[in-house]
Amino acid sequence: MATMNFSIPDDIRDAFNREFSGQNKSAVIARLMQQAIAEADQQRRRQAAFEQLTAARAERPALTEAAARASREFGRP
């Protein structure tokens, strides 16, 4: 198991100690770090999906304005 040292503002440290008094603070920090890692991974996957979808947009055929209007008006009384 590794040890890490962080500098944080005193008010955050005090609020953390009040909120998690009586709990294993190392376990709480480890859980928060795991959540942060998962969120960063999810953000990377979302960005990759966005880039893939937007890259494919250039390859899709564009609909002309006339064709779009015809589609909207098709079947209308």
N, C-alpha and C. Protein backbone atom coordinates (compact mmCIF):
# COMPACT_ATOMS: atom_id res chain seq x y z
N MET A 1 0.85 -1.17 0.00
CA MET A 1 0.00 0.00 0.00
C MET A 1 0.89 1.23 0.00
N ALA A 2 0.51 2.23 -0.80
CA ALA A 2 1.31 3.45 -0.94
C ALA A 2 0.77 4.56 -0.04
N THR A 3 1.62 5.52 0.23
CA THR A 3 1.24 6.70 1.00
C THR A 3 1.37 7.91 0.08
N MET A 4 0.36 8.79 0.12
CA MET A 4 0.38 10.01 -0.69
C MET A 4 0.17 11.20 0.23
N ASN A 5 0.82 12.30 -0.09
CA ASN A 5 0.67 13.53 0.68
C ASN A 5 0.10 14.61 -0.23
N PHE A 6 -0.93 15.31 0.25
CA PHE A 6 -1.56 16.38 -0.50
C PHE A 6 -1.66 17.61 0.37
N SER A 7 -1.56 18.76 -0.25
CA SER A 7 -1.80 20.02 0.45
C SER A 7 -3.20 20.47 0.06
N ILE A 8 -4.03 20.73 1.07
CA ILE A 8 -5.39 21.19 0.84
C ILE A 8 -5.67 22.36 1.77
N PRO A 9 -6.63 23.20 1.40
CA PRO A 9 -6.98 24.31 2.29
C PRO A 9 -7.48 23.81 3.64
N ASP A 10 -7.17 24.57 4.68
CA ASP A 10 -7.56 24.18 6.04
C ASP A 10 -9.07 24.00 6.19
N ASP A 11 -9.86 24.88 5.54
CA ASP A 11 -11.31 24.77 5.71
C ASP A 11 -11.86 23.48 5.10
N ILE A 12 -11.26 23.01 4.00
CA ILE A 12 -11.68 21.74 3.40
C ILE A 12 -11.28 20.59 4.30
N ARG A 13 -10.07 20.63 4.82
CA ARG A 13 -9.62 19.58 5.75
C ARG A 13 -10.54 19.51 6.97
N ASP A 14 -10.88 20.66 7.54
CA ASP A 14 -11.73 20.68 8.73
C ASP A 14 -13.13 20.14 8.42
N ALA A 15 -13.70 20.54 7.28
CA ALA A 15 -15.02 20.05 6.89
C ALA A 15 -14.99 18.55 6.64
N PHE A 16 -13.93 18.06 6.00
CA PHE A 16 -13.78 16.63 5.75
C PHE A 16 -13.70 15.87 7.07
N ASN A 17 -12.89 16.37 7.99
CA ASN A 17 -12.75 15.69 9.28
C ASN A 17 -14.06 15.67 10.05
N ARG A 18 -14.84 16.76 9.98
CA ARG A 18 -16.15 16.78 10.65
C ARG A 18 -17.11 15.78 10.00
N GLU A 19 -17.15 15.81 8.68
CA GLU A 19 -18.11 14.97 7.95
C GLU A 19 -17.81 13.48 8.10
N PHE A 20 -16.56 13.12 8.14
CA PHE A 20 -16.18 11.71 8.14
C PHE A 20 -15.54 11.28 9.46
N SER A 21 -15.87 11.97 10.53
CA SER A 21 -15.31 11.58 11.83
C SER A 21 -15.78 10.18 12.18
N GLY A 22 -14.89 9.42 12.75
CA GLY A 22 -15.21 8.05 13.13
C GLY A 22 -15.11 7.06 11.98
N GLN A 23 -14.81 7.53 10.78
CA GLN A 23 -14.68 6.63 9.63
C GLN A 23 -13.20 6.51 9.26
N ASN A 24 -12.90 5.48 8.52
CA ASN A 24 -11.54 5.29 8.02
C ASN A 24 -11.33 6.29 6.88
N LYS A 25 -10.64 7.39 7.18
CA LYS A 25 -10.48 8.46 6.21
C LYS A 25 -9.66 8.01 5.00
N SER A 26 -8.74 7.11 5.19
CA SER A 26 -7.98 6.59 4.05
C SER A 26 -8.90 5.85 3.08
N ALA A 27 -9.84 5.10 3.62
CA ALA A 27 -10.80 4.38 2.77
C ALA A 27 -11.72 5.36 2.05
N VAL A 28 -12.13 6.42 2.74
CA VAL A 28 -12.98 7.43 2.12
C VAL A 28 -12.24 8.09 0.96
N ILE A 29 -11.00 8.49 1.19
CA ILE A 29 -10.20 9.13 0.14
C ILE A 29 -9.98 8.16 -1.02
N ALA A 30 -9.70 6.91 -0.74
CA ALA A 30 -9.49 5.91 -1.80
C ALA A 30 -10.76 5.77 -2.64
N ARG A 31 -11.93 5.75 -1.97
CA ARG A 31 -13.20 5.64 -2.70
C ARG A 31 -13.42 6.87 -3.58
N LEU A 32 -13.13 8.05 -3.06
CA LEU A 32 -13.27 9.27 -3.84
C LEU A 32 -12.33 9.28 -5.04
N MET A 33 -11.13 8.77 -4.84
CA MET A 33 -10.17 8.69 -5.94
C MET A 33 -10.66 7.72 -7.00
N GLN A 34 -11.23 6.59 -6.58
CA GLN A 34 -11.78 5.63 -7.55
C GLN A 34 -12.91 6.27 -8.35
N GLN A 35 -13.77 7.03 -7.68
CA GLN A 35 -14.86 7.71 -8.38
C GLN A 35 -14.31 8.72 -9.39
N ALA A 36 -13.29 9.46 -9.00
CA ALA A 36 -12.70 10.45 -9.90
C ALA A 36 -12.07 9.77 -11.12
N ILE A 37 -11.42 8.63 -10.90
CA ILE A 37 -10.83 7.88 -12.02
C ILE A 37 -11.93 7.39 -12.95
N ALA A 38 -13.01 6.85 -12.40
CA ALA A 38 -14.12 6.36 -13.22
C ALA A 38 -14.77 7.49 -14.00
N GLU A 39 -14.94 8.66 -13.38
CA GLU A 39 -15.52 9.81 -14.07
C GLU A 39 -14.63 10.29 -15.21
N ALA A 40 -13.32 10.32 -14.98
CA ALA A 40 -12.38 10.74 -16.03
C ALA A 40 -12.41 9.75 -17.19
N ASP A 41 -12.49 8.45 -16.88
CA ASP A 41 -12.57 7.42 -17.92
C ASP A 41 -13.86 7.58 -18.72
N GLN A 42 -14.97 7.81 -18.03
CA GLN A 42 -16.24 7.99 -18.70
C GLN A 42 -16.20 9.23 -19.61
N GLN A 43 -15.60 10.30 -19.14
CA GLN A 43 -15.48 11.51 -19.95
C GLN A 43 -14.64 11.26 -21.20
N ARG A 44 -13.55 10.49 -21.05
CA ARG A 44 -12.72 10.14 -22.21
C ARG A 44 -13.53 9.34 -23.22
N ARG A 45 -14.32 8.35 -22.73
CA ARG A 45 -15.13 7.54 -23.64
C ARG A 45 -16.20 8.38 -24.33
N ARG A 46 -16.82 9.31 -23.61
CA ARG A 46 -17.81 10.19 -24.22
C ARG A 46 -17.18 11.05 -25.30
N GLN A 47 -15.99 11.59 -25.02
CA GLN A 47 -15.30 12.42 -25.99
C GLN A 47 -14.95 11.62 -27.24
N ALA A 48 -14.48 10.39 -27.05
CA ALA A 48 -14.14 9.53 -28.19
C ALA A 48 -15.38 9.22 -29.02
N ALA A 49 -16.50 8.94 -28.36
CA ALA A 49 -17.74 8.66 -29.08
C ALA A 49 -18.20 9.90 -29.85
N PHE A 50 -18.11 11.07 -29.22
CA PHE A 50 -18.47 12.31 -29.88
C PHE A 50 -17.62 12.54 -31.11
N GLU A 51 -16.31 12.35 -30.97
CA GLU A 51 -15.41 12.54 -32.10
C GLU A 51 -15.70 11.56 -33.23
N GLN A 52 -16.02 10.32 -32.87
CA GLN A 52 -16.34 9.30 -33.88
C GLN A 52 -17.62 9.68 -34.62
N LEU A 53 -18.63 10.13 -33.88
CA LEU A 53 -19.90 10.50 -34.51
C LEU A 53 -19.76 11.74 -35.40
N THR A 54 -19.02 12.72 -34.93
CA THR A 54 -18.87 13.93 -35.73
C THR A 54 -17.97 13.69 -36.94
N ALA A 55 -17.01 12.80 -36.83
CA ALA A 55 -16.16 12.48 -37.99
C ALA A 55 -16.99 11.78 -39.07
N ALA A 56 -17.91 10.92 -38.66
CA ALA A 56 -18.74 10.20 -39.62
C ALA A 56 -19.74 11.14 -40.30
N ARG A 57 -20.05 12.26 -39.66
CA ARG A 57 -21.01 13.21 -40.23
C ARG A 57 -20.55 13.71 -41.60
N ALA A 58 -19.27 13.93 -41.75
CA ALA A 58 -18.74 14.43 -43.02
C ALA A 58 -18.92 13.43 -44.15
N GLU A 59 -19.00 12.15 -43.82
CA GLU A 59 -19.13 11.10 -44.83
C GLU A 59 -20.58 10.84 -45.22
N ARG A 60 -21.52 11.30 -44.40
CA ARG A 60 -22.93 11.07 -44.71
C ARG A 60 -23.39 12.03 -45.79
N PRO A 61 -24.27 11.55 -46.66
CA PRO A 61 -24.77 12.45 -47.70
C PRO A 61 -25.66 13.54 -47.08
N ALA A 62 -25.52 14.74 -47.60
CA ALA A 62 -26.32 15.85 -47.10
C ALA A 62 -27.63 15.90 -47.87
N LEU A 63 -28.65 16.32 -47.18
CA LEU A 63 -29.97 16.46 -47.78
C LEU A 63 -30.10 17.89 -48.31
N THR A 64 -30.50 18.01 -49.56
CA THR A 64 -30.68 19.37 -50.10
C THR A 64 -31.90 19.99 -49.45
N GLU A 65 -31.97 21.31 -49.51
CA GLU A 65 -33.13 21.99 -48.93
C GLU A 65 -34.41 21.57 -49.63
N ALA A 66 -34.33 21.38 -50.93
CA ALA A 66 -35.52 20.97 -51.69
C ALA A 66 -35.98 19.57 -51.26
N ALA A 67 -35.03 18.67 -51.06
CA ALA A 67 -35.39 17.32 -50.63
C ALA A 67 -35.95 17.33 -49.21
N ALA A 68 -35.40 18.16 -48.33
CA ALA A 68 -35.91 18.26 -46.96
C ALA A 68 -37.33 18.80 -46.97
N ARG A 69 -37.58 19.83 -47.79
CA ARG A 69 -38.92 20.40 -47.87
C ARG A 69 -39.91 19.37 -48.43
N ALA A 70 -39.48 18.63 -49.43
CA ALA A 70 -40.35 17.61 -50.02
C ALA A 70 -40.69 16.54 -48.99
N SER A 71 -39.74 16.16 -48.16
CA SER A 71 -39.99 15.15 -47.12
C SER A 71 -40.97 15.67 -46.07
N ARG A 72 -40.84 16.94 -45.71
CA ARG A 72 -41.76 17.52 -44.72
C ARG A 72 -43.17 17.63 -45.28
N GLU A 73 -43.26 17.91 -46.55
CA GLU A 73 -44.59 18.14 -47.15
C GLU A 73 -45.24 16.87 -47.68
N PHE A 74 -44.49 15.80 -47.80
CA PHE A 74 -45.02 14.56 -48.36
C PHE A 74 -46.14 14.02 -47.46
N GLY A 75 -47.25 13.74 -48.06
CA GLY A 75 -48.36 13.15 -47.33
C GLY A 75 -49.23 14.14 -46.58
N ARG A 76 -48.91 15.42 -46.63
CA ARG A 76 -49.74 16.42 -45.96
C ARG A 76 -50.94 16.73 -46.83
N PRO A 77 -52.07 17.00 -46.20
CA PRO A 77 -53.27 17.34 -47.00
C PRO A 77 -53.13 18.73 -47.62
